[in-house]
Amino acid sequence: MLIPNGSVFMPPVLTLTGIPGLESVQHWIGIPFCVMYFIAVIGNSLILGLIKYEHSLHKPMYIFLAMLGATDIALSTCILPKMLGIFWFHLPEISFAACLFQMWLIHSFQAVESGILLAMALDRYVAICDPLRHTTIFSQQLLIHIAVAVTLRGAILEVPCLVFIKCRLKLYRTTVISHTYCEHMAIVKLAVGDIRINKIYGLFVAFSILGFDIIFITLSYIQIFITVFQLPQKEARFKAFNTCIAHICVFLQFYLLAFFSFFTHRFGAHIPPYVHILLSNFYLLVPPFLNPIVYGVKTKEIRDHVLKILFSKTILNH
């Protein structure tokens, strides 16, 4: 194989450029991203604290919500500190090993979040379609098994991506990644040689996780809607449907952003690069930012506990 001039063998350090085409305004773009991150961390931490200390919230629905909040904090933390280092402090370098580790963490947490959303959909399906067996089916032991399963699924399926890059891709035409974080295909496209296996496996992981989860989430909600509309009392229909609104909003924002990011990154060659990068960033930062807001507004139990804490503090201050 001919080795192109200027190619690098297993570069020790890579450079993240940020958002191509928007370098002059990146420091301004970092401000809303930073705000979203702090709201995500504070909001999800508040929900985690409420669920931990309020025994009335020790139910499968809220335990899954706590798992989602912890995943959101971890996912946004994987990307934002380094991104702000690029935007504000001109620190674009990252070691090759750290870059692969960041890639593995990001994609693993994405898979974990998708698995939790599937578990939440199945929980609502059983709670509405077979309420008498809900407590029996969603036991504490099952919740532990689900948490372990979705975590291992994401972590294990992403390991071959690291192996394929580390063992098969030795030469790189450049060490500059036109991105704000270490994304799988952004790294693969730097390499010299045959990258088809990397692309194929990346597609396999995406469809085996997101595709599988979306199919079963959709089937669950179709059956939920059928059951809800068959309820004889209007108030019962409204109450059952209202418990699902927050979940539906979270599902839509996560998977719609995922598909926009996925398809533009792989099939939108005519789309400007900064659109690809911004969509990828929105996909990772918007759900953690919006999830606690959606659940705080639409979930009565959480809203009531937050108001109770706020009012109690106000009374104590007076």
C-alpha atoms as a PDB file:
ATOM      1  CA  MET A   1       0.000   0.000   0.000  1.00  0.00           C
ATOM      2  CA  LEU A   2       1.276   3.448  -0.914  1.00  0.00           C
ATOM      3  CA  ILE A   3       1.716   5.697   2.070  1.00  0.00           C
ATOM      4  CA  PRO A   4       0.575   9.275   1.320  1.00  0.00           C
ATOM      5  CA  ASN A   5       3.013  12.054   2.082  1.00  0.00           C
ATOM      6  CA  GLY A   6       2.351  13.726   5.405  1.00  0.00           C
ATOM      7  CA  SER A   7       0.491  10.764   6.874  1.00  0.00           C
ATOM      8  CA  VAL A   8       1.022  10.042  10.576  1.00  0.00           C
ATOM      9  CA  PHE A   9       1.470   6.623  12.179  1.00  0.00           C
ATOM     10  CA  MET A  10      -0.713   6.248  15.297  1.00  0.00           C
ATOM     11  CA  PRO A  11      -0.702   9.934  16.267  1.00  0.00           C
ATOM     12  CA  PRO A  12      -0.232  10.462  20.016  1.00  0.00           C
ATOM     13  CA  VAL A  13      -2.244  13.707  19.953  1.00  0.00           C
ATOM     14  CA  LEU A  14      -5.281  14.822  17.953  1.00  0.00           C
ATOM     15  CA  THR A  15      -6.669  18.326  17.479  1.00  0.00           C
ATOM     16  CA  LEU A  16     -10.358  19.211  17.737  1.00  0.00           C
ATOM     17  CA  THR A  17     -11.200  22.296  15.669  1.00  0.00           C
ATOM     18  CA  GLY A  18     -14.605  23.029  17.148  1.00  0.00           C
ATOM     19  CA  ILE A  19     -17.290  24.123  14.672  1.00  0.00           C
ATOM     20  CA  PRO A  20     -15.839  24.524  11.141  1.00  0.00           C
ATOM     21  CA  GLY A  21     -16.913  27.806   9.587  1.00  0.00           C
ATOM     22  CA  LEU A  22     -17.970  29.347  12.878  1.00  0.00           C
ATOM     23  CA  GLU A  23     -14.573  29.671  14.552  1.00  0.00           C
ATOM     24  CA  SER A  24     -14.935  33.455  14.919  1.00  0.00           C
ATOM     25  CA  VAL A  25     -18.149  33.153  16.958  1.00  0.00           C
ATOM     26  CA  GLN A  26     -17.427  29.939  18.880  1.00  0.00           C
ATOM     27  CA  HIS A  27     -16.839  31.829  22.108  1.00  0.00           C
ATOM     28  CA  TRP A  28     -20.393  33.188  21.868  1.00  0.00           C
ATOM     29  CA  ILE A  29     -21.853  29.786  20.970  1.00  0.00           C
ATOM     30  CA  GLY A  30     -20.256  28.400  24.127  1.00  0.00           C
ATOM     31  CA  ILE A  31     -22.441  30.628  26.345  1.00  0.00           C
ATOM     32  CA  PRO A  32     -25.840  29.003  25.591  1.00  0.00           C
ATOM     33  CA  PHE A  33     -24.192  25.567  25.626  1.00  0.00           C
ATOM     34  CA  CYS A  34     -22.763  26.311  29.075  1.00  0.00           C
ATOM     35  CA  VAL A  35     -26.155  27.546  30.313  1.00  0.00           C
ATOM     36  CA  MET A  36     -27.839  24.388  29.023  1.00  0.00           C
ATOM     37  CA  TYR A  37     -25.211  22.262  30.765  1.00  0.00           C
ATOM     38  CA  PHE A  38     -25.652  23.929  34.151  1.00  0.00           C
ATOM     39  CA  ILE A  39     -29.449  23.713  33.910  1.00  0.00           C
ATOM     40  CA  ALA A  40     -29.103  20.038  32.963  1.00  0.00           C
ATOM     41  CA  VAL A  41     -26.829  19.279  35.922  1.00  0.00           C
ATOM     42  CA  ILE A  42     -28.873  21.285  38.450  1.00  0.00           C
ATOM     43  CA  GLY A  43     -32.248  20.048  37.178  1.00  0.00           C
ATOM     44  CA  ASN A  44     -31.280  16.389  36.990  1.00  0.00           C
ATOM     45  CA  SER A  45     -29.499  16.563  40.355  1.00  0.00           C
ATOM     46  CA  LEU A  46     -32.647  18.033  41.912  1.00  0.00           C
ATOM     47  CA  ILE A  47     -34.748  15.200  40.503  1.00  0.00           C
ATOM     48  CA  LEU A  48     -32.213  12.633  41.735  1.00  0.00           C
ATOM     49  CA  GLY A  49     -32.300  14.153  45.217  1.00  0.00           C
ATOM     50  CA  LEU A  50     -36.095  14.219  45.322  1.00  0.00           C
ATOM     51  CA  ILE A  51     -36.400  10.603  44.225  1.00  0.00           C
ATOM     52  CA  LYS A  52     -33.747   9.463  46.692  1.00  0.00           C
ATOM     53  CA  TYR A  53     -35.182  11.158  49.791  1.00  0.00           C
ATOM     54  CA  GLU A  54     -38.949  11.023  49.071  1.00  0.00           C
ATOM     55  CA  HIS A  55     -40.139   7.491  49.813  1.00  0.00           C
ATOM     56  CA  SER A  56     -43.396   8.105  47.943  1.00  0.00           C
ATOM     57  CA  LEU A  57     -41.304   8.353  44.741  1.00  0.00           C
ATOM     58  CA  HIS A  58     -39.653   4.968  45.203  1.00  0.00           C
ATOM     59  CA  LYS A  59     -41.630   3.497  42.316  1.00  0.00           C
ATOM     60  CA  PRO A  60     -40.416   2.035  38.985  1.00  0.00           C
ATOM     61  CA  MET A  61     -41.446   5.110  36.989  1.00  0.00           C
ATOM     62  CA  TYR A  62     -39.380   7.454  39.177  1.00  0.00           C
ATOM     63  CA  ILE A  63     -36.472   5.045  39.570  1.00  0.00           C
ATOM     64  CA  PHE A  64     -36.182   4.929  35.771  1.00  0.00           C
ATOM     65  CA  LEU A  65     -36.363   8.722  35.778  1.00  0.00           C
ATOM     66  CA  ALA A  66     -33.491   8.835  38.281  1.00  0.00           C
ATOM     67  CA  MET A  67     -31.464   6.528  36.028  1.00  0.00           C
ATOM     68  CA  LEU A  68     -32.226   8.820  33.081  1.00  0.00           C
ATOM     69  CA  GLY A  69     -31.142  11.870  35.059  1.00  0.00           C
ATOM     70  CA  ALA A  70     -27.845  10.280  36.113  1.00  0.00           C
ATOM     71  CA  THR A  71     -27.166   9.255  32.495  1.00  0.00           C
ATOM     72  CA  ASP A  72     -27.962  12.771  31.258  1.00  0.00           C
ATOM     73  CA  ILE A  73     -25.495  14.317  33.707  1.00  0.00           C
ATOM     74  CA  ALA A  74     -22.771  11.864  32.685  1.00  0.00           C
ATOM     75  CA  LEU A  75     -23.446  12.273  28.960  1.00  0.00           C
ATOM     76  CA  SER A  76     -23.354  16.070  28.956  1.00  0.00           C
ATOM     77  CA  THR A  77     -20.268  16.081  31.206  1.00  0.00           C
ATOM     78  CA  CYS A  78     -18.427  13.870  28.695  1.00  0.00           C
ATOM     79  CA  ILE A  79     -18.673  16.539  26.020  1.00  0.00           C
ATOM     80  CA  LEU A  80     -19.044  20.047  27.441  1.00  0.00           C
ATOM     81  CA  PRO A  81     -15.852  20.689  29.488  1.00  0.00           C
ATOM     82  CA  LYS A  82     -13.618  19.841  26.527  1.00  0.00           C
ATOM     83  CA  MET A  83     -15.868  21.785  24.165  1.00  0.00           C
ATOM     84  CA  LEU A  84     -15.619  24.916  26.304  1.00  0.00           C
ATOM     85  CA  GLY A  85     -11.868  24.379  26.484  1.00  0.00           C
ATOM     86  CA  ILE A  86     -11.822  24.661  22.684  1.00  0.00           C
ATOM     87  CA  PHE A  87     -14.247  27.605  22.498  1.00  0.00           C
ATOM     88  CA  TRP A  88     -12.963  29.757  25.361  1.00  0.00           C
ATOM     89  CA  PHE A  89      -9.421  28.711  26.259  1.00  0.00           C
ATOM     90  CA  HIS A  90      -7.994  27.583  22.896  1.00  0.00           C
ATOM     91  CA  LEU A  91      -7.167  24.082  24.136  1.00  0.00           C
ATOM     92  CA  PRO A  92      -7.946  21.905  21.096  1.00  0.00           C
ATOM     93  CA  GLU A  93      -5.419  19.108  21.725  1.00  0.00           C
ATOM     94  CA  ILE A  94      -6.477  15.745  23.105  1.00  0.00           C
ATOM     95  CA  SER A  95      -4.427  12.571  23.394  1.00  0.00           C
ATOM     96  CA  PHE A  96      -5.366   9.726  21.060  1.00  0.00           C
ATOM     97  CA  ALA A  97      -6.183   7.426  23.988  1.00  0.00           C
ATOM     98  CA  ALA A  98      -8.328  10.102  25.695  1.00  0.00           C
ATOM     99  CA  CYS A  99     -10.122  10.739  22.411  1.00  0.00           C
ATOM    100  CA  LEU A 100     -11.028   7.057  22.028  1.00  0.00           C
ATOM    101  CA  PHE A 101     -12.139   6.929  25.657  1.00  0.00           C
ATOM    102  CA  GLN A 102     -14.364   9.988  25.185  1.00  0.00           C
ATOM    103  CA  MET A 103     -15.845   8.409  22.047  1.00  0.00           C
ATOM    104  CA  TRP A 104     -16.602   5.192  23.936  1.00  0.00           C
ATOM    105  CA  LEU A 105     -18.185   7.048  26.856  1.00  0.00           C
ATOM    106  CA  ILE A 106     -20.392   9.240  24.671  1.00  0.00           C
ATOM    107  CA  HIS A 107     -21.727   6.421  22.493  1.00  0.00           C
ATOM    108  CA  SER A 108     -22.140   4.113  25.502  1.00  0.00           C
ATOM    109  CA  PHE A 109     -24.194   6.683  27.426  1.00  0.00           C
ATOM    110  CA  GLN A 110     -26.305   7.335  24.321  1.00  0.00           C
ATOM    111  CA  ALA A 111     -27.089   3.617  24.173  1.00  0.00           C
ATOM    112  CA  VAL A 112     -27.826   3.532  27.921  1.00  0.00           C
ATOM    113  CA  GLU A 113     -30.233   6.461  27.593  1.00  0.00           C
ATOM    114  CA  SER A 114     -32.051   4.762  24.733  1.00  0.00           C
ATOM    115  CA  GLY A 115     -32.347   1.575  26.797  1.00  0.00           C
ATOM    116  CA  ILE A 116     -33.772   3.490  29.764  1.00  0.00           C
ATOM    117  CA  LEU A 117     -36.358   5.155  27.513  1.00  0.00           C
ATOM    118  CA  LEU A 118     -37.381   1.680  26.298  1.00  0.00           C
ATOM    119  CA  ALA A 119     -37.698   0.478  29.901  1.00  0.00           C
ATOM    120  CA  MET A 120     -39.832   3.523  30.754  1.00  0.00           C
ATOM    121  CA  ALA A 121     -42.140   2.778  27.814  1.00  0.00           C
ATOM    122  CA  LEU A 122     -42.540  -0.844  28.913  1.00  0.00           C
ATOM    123  CA  ASP A 123     -43.226   0.317  32.473  1.00  0.00           C
ATOM    124  CA  ARG A 124     -46.055   2.583  31.243  1.00  0.00           C
ATOM    125  CA  TYR A 125     -47.360  -0.238  29.044  1.00  0.00           C
ATOM    126  CA  VAL A 126     -47.700  -2.620  31.988  1.00  0.00           C
ATOM    127  CA  ALA A 127     -49.022   0.103  34.324  1.00  0.00           C
ATOM    128  CA  ILE A 128     -51.840   1.015  31.918  1.00  0.00           C
ATOM    129  CA  CYS A 129     -52.553  -2.231  30.077  1.00  0.00           C
ATOM    130  CA  ASP A 130     -52.077  -4.669  32.984  1.00  0.00           C
ATOM    131  CA  PRO A 131     -52.144  -2.555  36.183  1.00  0.00           C
ATOM    132  CA  LEU A 132     -52.914  -5.435  38.566  1.00  0.00           C
ATOM    133  CA  ARG A 133     -49.621  -7.133  37.711  1.00  0.00           C
ATOM    134  CA  HIS A 134     -47.474  -3.993  37.526  1.00  0.00           C
ATOM    135  CA  THR A 135     -46.039  -4.245  41.045  1.00  0.00           C
ATOM    136  CA  THR A 136     -45.369  -7.952  40.628  1.00  0.00           C
ATOM    137  CA  ILE A 137     -43.663  -7.628  37.233  1.00  0.00           C
ATOM    138  CA  PHE A 138     -41.583  -4.526  37.951  1.00  0.00           C
ATOM    139  CA  SER A 139     -40.027  -5.780  41.156  1.00  0.00           C
ATOM    140  CA  GLN A 140     -36.850  -4.338  42.662  1.00  0.00           C
ATOM    141  CA  GLN A 141     -34.889  -7.293  41.311  1.00  0.00           C
ATOM    142  CA  LEU A 142     -36.120  -6.640  37.764  1.00  0.00           C
ATOM    143  CA  LEU A 143     -35.184  -2.969  38.033  1.00  0.00           C
ATOM    144  CA  ILE A 144     -31.624  -3.939  38.994  1.00  0.00           C
ATOM    145  CA  HIS A 145     -31.435  -6.396  36.087  1.00  0.00           C
ATOM    146  CA  ILE A 146     -32.680  -3.729  33.658  1.00  0.00           C
ATOM    147  CA  ALA A 147     -30.123  -1.195  34.913  1.00  0.00           C
ATOM    148  CA  VAL A 148     -27.282  -3.700  34.527  1.00  0.00           C
ATOM    149  CA  ALA A 149     -28.520  -4.901  31.117  1.00  0.00           C
ATOM    150  CA  VAL A 150     -28.840  -1.454  29.496  1.00  0.00           C
ATOM    151  CA  THR A 151     -25.447  -0.402  30.889  1.00  0.00           C
ATOM    152  CA  LEU A 152     -23.649  -3.521  29.683  1.00  0.00           C
ATOM    153  CA  ARG A 153     -25.380  -3.416  26.306  1.00  0.00           C
ATOM    154  CA  GLY A 154     -24.099   0.070  25.567  1.00  0.00           C
ATOM    155  CA  ALA A 155     -20.609  -0.517  26.960  1.00  0.00           C
ATOM    156  CA  ILE A 156     -20.019  -3.895  25.271  1.00  0.00           C
ATOM    157  CA  LEU A 157     -21.410  -3.027  21.838  1.00  0.00           C
ATOM    158  CA  GLU A 158     -19.143   0.019  21.623  1.00  0.00           C
ATOM    159  CA  VAL A 159     -15.941  -1.890  22.481  1.00  0.00           C
ATOM    160  CA  PRO A 160     -15.425  -3.297  18.930  1.00  0.00           C
ATOM    161  CA  CYS A 161     -15.433   0.293  17.624  1.00  0.00           C
ATOM    162  CA  LEU A 162     -12.367   0.953  19.769  1.00  0.00           C
ATOM    163  CA  VAL A 163     -10.741  -2.322  18.711  1.00  0.00           C
ATOM    164  CA  PHE A 164     -11.306  -1.685  14.993  1.00  0.00           C
ATOM    165  CA  ILE A 165      -9.805   1.785  15.246  1.00  0.00           C
ATOM    166  CA  LYS A 166      -6.891   0.760  17.452  1.00  0.00           C
ATOM    167  CA  CYS A 167      -5.947  -2.429  15.599  1.00  0.00           C
ATOM    168  CA  ARG A 168      -6.906  -1.754  11.964  1.00  0.00           C
ATOM    169  CA  LEU A 169      -6.351   1.971  11.444  1.00  0.00           C
ATOM    170  CA  LYS A 170      -2.660   2.718  11.831  1.00  0.00           C
ATOM    171  CA  LEU A 171      -2.067   5.558   9.375  1.00  0.00           C
ATOM    172  CA  TYR A 172      -3.843   8.919   9.480  1.00  0.00           C
ATOM    173  CA  ARG A 173      -3.793  11.524   6.747  1.00  0.00           C
ATOM    174  CA  THR A 174      -4.296  14.274   9.333  1.00  0.00           C
ATOM    175  CA  THR A 175      -4.549  14.662  13.086  1.00  0.00           C
ATOM    176  CA  VAL A 176      -7.195  17.406  12.895  1.00  0.00           C
ATOM    177  CA  ILE A 177     -10.775  16.396  13.749  1.00  0.00           C
ATOM    178  CA  SER A 178     -13.345  18.860  12.425  1.00  0.00           C
ATOM    179  CA  HIS A 179     -15.623  18.428  15.403  1.00  0.00           C
ATOM    180  CA  THR A 180     -16.187  19.571  18.981  1.00  0.00           C
ATOM    181  CA  TYR A 181     -15.787  16.075  20.430  1.00  0.00           C
ATOM    182  CA  CYS A 182     -14.422  12.668  19.429  1.00  0.00           C
ATOM    183  CA  GLU A 183     -17.206  11.165  17.344  1.00  0.00           C
ATOM    184  CA  HIS A 184     -16.741   7.696  15.830  1.00  0.00           C
ATOM    185  CA  MET A 185     -17.007   8.535  12.126  1.00  0.00           C
ATOM    186  CA  ALA A 186     -15.114  11.813  12.556  1.00  0.00           C
ATOM    187  CA  ILE A 187     -12.114   9.775  13.769  1.00  0.00           C
ATOM    188  CA  VAL A 188     -12.511   6.993  11.208  1.00  0.00           C
ATOM    189  CA  LYS A 189     -12.549   9.432   8.287  1.00  0.00           C
ATOM    190  CA  LEU A 190      -9.064  10.660   9.259  1.00  0.00           C
ATOM    191  CA  ALA A 191      -7.521   7.251   8.554  1.00  0.00           C
ATOM    192  CA  VAL A 192      -5.756   6.003   5.454  1.00  0.00           C
ATOM    193  CA  GLY A 193      -6.958   2.626   4.204  1.00  0.00           C
ATOM    194  CA  ASP A 194     -10.090   0.515   4.179  1.00  0.00           C
ATOM    195  CA  ILE A 195     -12.632   1.887   6.656  1.00  0.00           C
ATOM    196  CA  ARG A 196     -15.646  -0.100   5.433  1.00  0.00           C
ATOM    197  CA  ILE A 197     -15.708  -2.431   8.441  1.00  0.00           C
ATOM    198  CA  ASN A 198     -15.717   0.569  10.785  1.00  0.00           C
ATOM    199  CA  LYS A 199     -18.624   2.150   8.884  1.00  0.00           C
ATOM    200  CA  ILE A 200     -20.603  -1.091   8.697  1.00  0.00           C
ATOM    201  CA  TYR A 201     -20.175  -1.841  12.388  1.00  0.00           C
ATOM    202  CA  GLY A 202     -21.112   1.733  13.300  1.00  0.00           C
ATOM    203  CA  LEU A 203     -24.340   1.372  11.312  1.00  0.00           C
ATOM    204  CA  PHE A 204     -24.985  -2.028  12.906  1.00  0.00           C
ATOM    205  CA  VAL A 205     -24.655  -0.607  16.425  1.00  0.00           C
ATOM    206  CA  ALA A 206     -26.867   2.382  15.617  1.00  0.00           C
ATOM    207  CA  PHE A 207     -29.666   0.291  14.148  1.00  0.00           C
ATOM    208  CA  SER A 208     -29.383  -2.565  16.659  1.00  0.00           C
ATOM    209  CA  ILE A 209     -29.771  -0.122  19.558  1.00  0.00           C
ATOM    210  CA  LEU A 210     -31.840   2.822  18.329  1.00  0.00           C
ATOM    211  CA  GLY A 211     -33.786   0.799  15.775  1.00  0.00           C
ATOM    212  CA  PHE A 212     -34.606  -1.998  18.232  1.00  0.00           C
ATOM    213  CA  ASP A 213     -35.613   0.428  20.976  1.00  0.00           C
ATOM    214  CA  ILE A 214     -37.753   2.621  18.718  1.00  0.00           C
ATOM    215  CA  ILE A 215     -39.684  -0.369  17.359  1.00  0.00           C
ATOM    216  CA  PHE A 216     -40.623  -1.634  20.826  1.00  0.00           C
ATOM    217  CA  ILE A 217     -41.328   1.856  22.183  1.00  0.00           C
ATOM    218  CA  THR A 218     -43.668   2.485  19.252  1.00  0.00           C
ATOM    219  CA  LEU A 219     -45.433  -0.861  19.719  1.00  0.00           C
ATOM    220  CA  SER A 220     -45.812  -0.184  23.447  1.00  0.00           C
ATOM    221  CA  TYR A 221     -47.425   3.198  22.885  1.00  0.00           C
ATOM    222  CA  ILE A 222     -49.723   1.922  20.143  1.00  0.00           C
ATOM    223  CA  GLN A 223     -51.062  -0.641  22.624  1.00  0.00           C
ATOM    224  CA  ILE A 224     -51.234   2.013  25.358  1.00  0.00           C
ATOM    225  CA  PHE A 225     -53.314   4.324  23.160  1.00  0.00           C
ATOM    226  CA  ILE A 226     -55.636   1.468  22.189  1.00  0.00           C
ATOM    227  CA  THR A 227     -56.151   0.609  25.863  1.00  0.00           C
ATOM    228  CA  VAL A 228     -56.623   4.238  26.933  1.00  0.00           C
ATOM    229  CA  PHE A 229     -59.272   4.968  24.300  1.00  0.00           C
ATOM    230  CA  GLN A 230     -61.174   1.849  25.344  1.00  0.00           C
ATOM    231  CA  LEU A 231     -61.537   3.071  28.939  1.00  0.00           C
ATOM    232  CA  PRO A 232     -65.198   3.821  29.661  1.00  0.00           C
ATOM    233  CA  GLN A 233     -64.714   6.948  31.786  1.00  0.00           C
ATOM    234  CA  LYS A 234     -63.426  10.190  30.297  1.00  0.00           C
ATOM    235  CA  GLU A 235     -61.553  11.125  33.478  1.00  0.00           C
ATOM    236  CA  ALA A 236     -59.761   7.762  33.526  1.00  0.00           C
ATOM    237  CA  ARG A 237     -58.731   8.234  29.872  1.00  0.00           C
ATOM    238  CA  PHE A 238     -57.422  11.716  30.588  1.00  0.00           C
ATOM    239  CA  LYS A 239     -55.470  10.597  33.676  1.00  0.00           C
ATOM    240  CA  ALA A 240     -53.921   7.605  31.876  1.00  0.00           C
ATOM    241  CA  PHE A 241     -52.964   9.688  28.855  1.00  0.00           C
ATOM    242  CA  ASN A 242     -51.609  12.516  31.021  1.00  0.00           C
ATOM    243  CA  THR A 243     -49.128  10.163  32.714  1.00  0.00           C
ATOM    244  CA  CYS A 244     -47.598   9.427  29.285  1.00  0.00           C
ATOM    245  CA  ILE A 245     -47.292  12.975  27.919  1.00  0.00           C
ATOM    246  CA  ALA A 246     -43.932  13.703  29.561  1.00  0.00           C
ATOM    247  CA  HIS A 247     -42.526  10.366  28.366  1.00  0.00           C
ATOM    248  CA  ILE A 248     -43.707  10.992  24.803  1.00  0.00           C
ATOM    249  CA  CYS A 249     -42.080  14.453  24.762  1.00  0.00           C
ATOM    250  CA  VAL A 250     -38.783  12.995  25.993  1.00  0.00           C
ATOM    251  CA  PHE A 251     -38.897  10.128  23.475  1.00  0.00           C
ATOM    252  CA  LEU A 252     -39.574  12.475  20.566  1.00  0.00           C
ATOM    253  CA  GLN A 253     -36.850  14.983  21.393  1.00  0.00           C
ATOM    254  CA  PHE A 254     -34.230  12.263  21.905  1.00  0.00           C
ATOM    255  CA  TYR A 255     -34.970  10.154  18.816  1.00  0.00           C
ATOM    256  CA  LEU A 256     -35.799  13.003  16.421  1.00  0.00           C
ATOM    257  CA  LEU A 257     -32.507  14.730  17.237  1.00  0.00           C
ATOM    258  CA  ALA A 258     -30.733  11.362  16.963  1.00  0.00           C
ATOM    259  CA  PHE A 259     -32.091  10.704  13.486  1.00  0.00           C
ATOM    260  CA  PHE A 260     -31.428  14.226  12.239  1.00  0.00           C
ATOM    261  CA  SER A 261     -27.845  14.002  13.494  1.00  0.00           C
ATOM    262  CA  PHE A 262     -27.321  10.450  12.199  1.00  0.00           C
ATOM    263  CA  PHE A 263     -28.650  10.975   8.678  1.00  0.00           C
ATOM    264  CA  THR A 264     -27.115  14.406   8.089  1.00  0.00           C
ATOM    265  CA  HIS A 265     -23.725  13.165   9.269  1.00  0.00           C
ATOM    266  CA  ARG A 266     -23.729  10.107   6.978  1.00  0.00           C
ATOM    267  CA  PHE A 267     -25.834  11.111   3.983  1.00  0.00           C
ATOM    268  CA  GLY A 268     -25.834  14.921   3.950  1.00  0.00           C
ATOM    269  CA  ALA A 269     -22.649  15.561   1.987  1.00  0.00           C
ATOM    270  CA  HIS A 270     -24.140  18.768   0.513  1.00  0.00           C
ATOM    271  CA  ILE A 271     -24.996  20.182   3.958  1.00  0.00           C
ATOM    272  CA  PRO A 272     -22.452  22.657   5.423  1.00  0.00           C
ATOM    273  CA  PRO A 273     -20.149  21.064   8.027  1.00  0.00           C
ATOM    274  CA  TYR A 274     -21.210  23.437  10.790  1.00  0.00           C
ATOM    275  CA  VAL A 275     -24.800  22.147  10.471  1.00  0.00           C
ATOM    276  CA  HIS A 276     -23.546  18.575  11.060  1.00  0.00           C
ATOM    277  CA  ILE A 277     -21.580  19.646  14.114  1.00  0.00           C
ATOM    278  CA  LEU A 278     -24.340  21.786  15.620  1.00  0.00           C
ATOM    279  CA  LEU A 279     -26.902  18.979  15.209  1.00  0.00           C
ATOM    280  CA  SER A 280     -24.513  16.538  16.903  1.00  0.00           C
ATOM    281  CA  ASN A 281     -24.054  18.960  19.795  1.00  0.00           C
ATOM    282  CA  PHE A 282     -27.792  19.571  20.112  1.00  0.00           C
ATOM    283  CA  TYR A 283     -28.368  15.810  20.167  1.00  0.00           C
ATOM    284  CA  LEU A 284     -26.067  15.441  23.178  1.00  0.00           C
ATOM    285  CA  LEU A 285     -26.943  18.628  25.086  1.00  0.00           C
ATOM    286  CA  VAL A 286     -30.618  19.377  24.445  1.00  0.00           C
ATOM    287  CA  PRO A 287     -32.193  16.187  25.941  1.00  0.00           C
ATOM    288  CA  PRO A 288     -30.277  16.463  29.259  1.00  0.00           C
ATOM    289  CA  PHE A 289     -31.289  20.138  29.381  1.00  0.00           C
ATOM    290  CA  LEU A 290     -34.979  19.617  28.553  1.00  0.00           C
ATOM    291  CA  ASN A 291     -35.687  16.319  30.348  1.00  0.00           C
ATOM    292  CA  PRO A 292     -35.790  17.709  33.916  1.00  0.00           C
ATOM    293  CA  ILE A 293     -37.881  20.669  32.710  1.00  0.00           C
ATOM    294  CA  VAL A 294     -40.389  18.399  30.950  1.00  0.00           C
ATOM    295  CA  TYR A 295     -40.705  16.042  33.909  1.00  0.00           C
ATOM    296  CA  GLY A 296     -40.761  18.897  36.407  1.00  0.00           C
ATOM    297  CA  VAL A 297     -43.651  20.581  34.590  1.00  0.00           C
ATOM    298  CA  LYS A 298     -45.681  17.554  33.464  1.00  0.00           C
ATOM    299  CA  THR A 299     -45.204  15.128  36.386  1.00  0.00           C
ATOM    300  CA  LYS A 300     -47.525  16.167  39.211  1.00  0.00           C
ATOM    301  CA  GLU A 301     -45.698  14.320  42.006  1.00  0.00           C
ATOM    302  CA  ILE A 302     -42.338  15.895  41.155  1.00  0.00           C
ATOM    303  CA  ARG A 303     -43.887  19.334  40.613  1.00  0.00           C
ATOM    304  CA  ASP A 304     -45.670  19.169  43.966  1.00  0.00           C
ATOM    305  CA  HIS A 305     -42.503  18.183  45.834  1.00  0.00           C
ATOM    306  CA  VAL A 306     -40.478  20.981  44.177  1.00  0.00           C
ATOM    307  CA  LEU A 307     -43.154  23.554  45.083  1.00  0.00           C
ATOM    308  CA  LYS A 308     -43.288  22.175  48.612  1.00  0.00           C
ATOM    309  CA  ILE A 309     -39.524  22.654  49.024  1.00  0.00           C
ATOM    310  CA  LEU A 310     -39.614  26.169  47.531  1.00  0.00           C
ATOM    311  CA  PHE A 311     -42.545  27.298  49.671  1.00  0.00           C
ATOM    312  CA  SER A 312     -41.048  25.825  52.832  1.00  0.00           C
ATOM    313  CA  LYS A 313     -37.806  27.708  52.234  1.00  0.00           C
ATOM    314  CA  THR A 314     -39.738  30.925  51.570  1.00  0.00           C
ATOM    315  CA  ILE A 315     -41.659  30.555  54.859  1.00  0.00           C
ATOM    316  CA  LEU A 316     -38.441  29.858  56.782  1.00  0.00           C
ATOM    317  CA  ASN A 317     -36.752  32.938  55.304  1.00  0.00           C
ATOM    318  CA  HIS A 318     -39.665  35.112  56.393  1.00  0.00           C
END
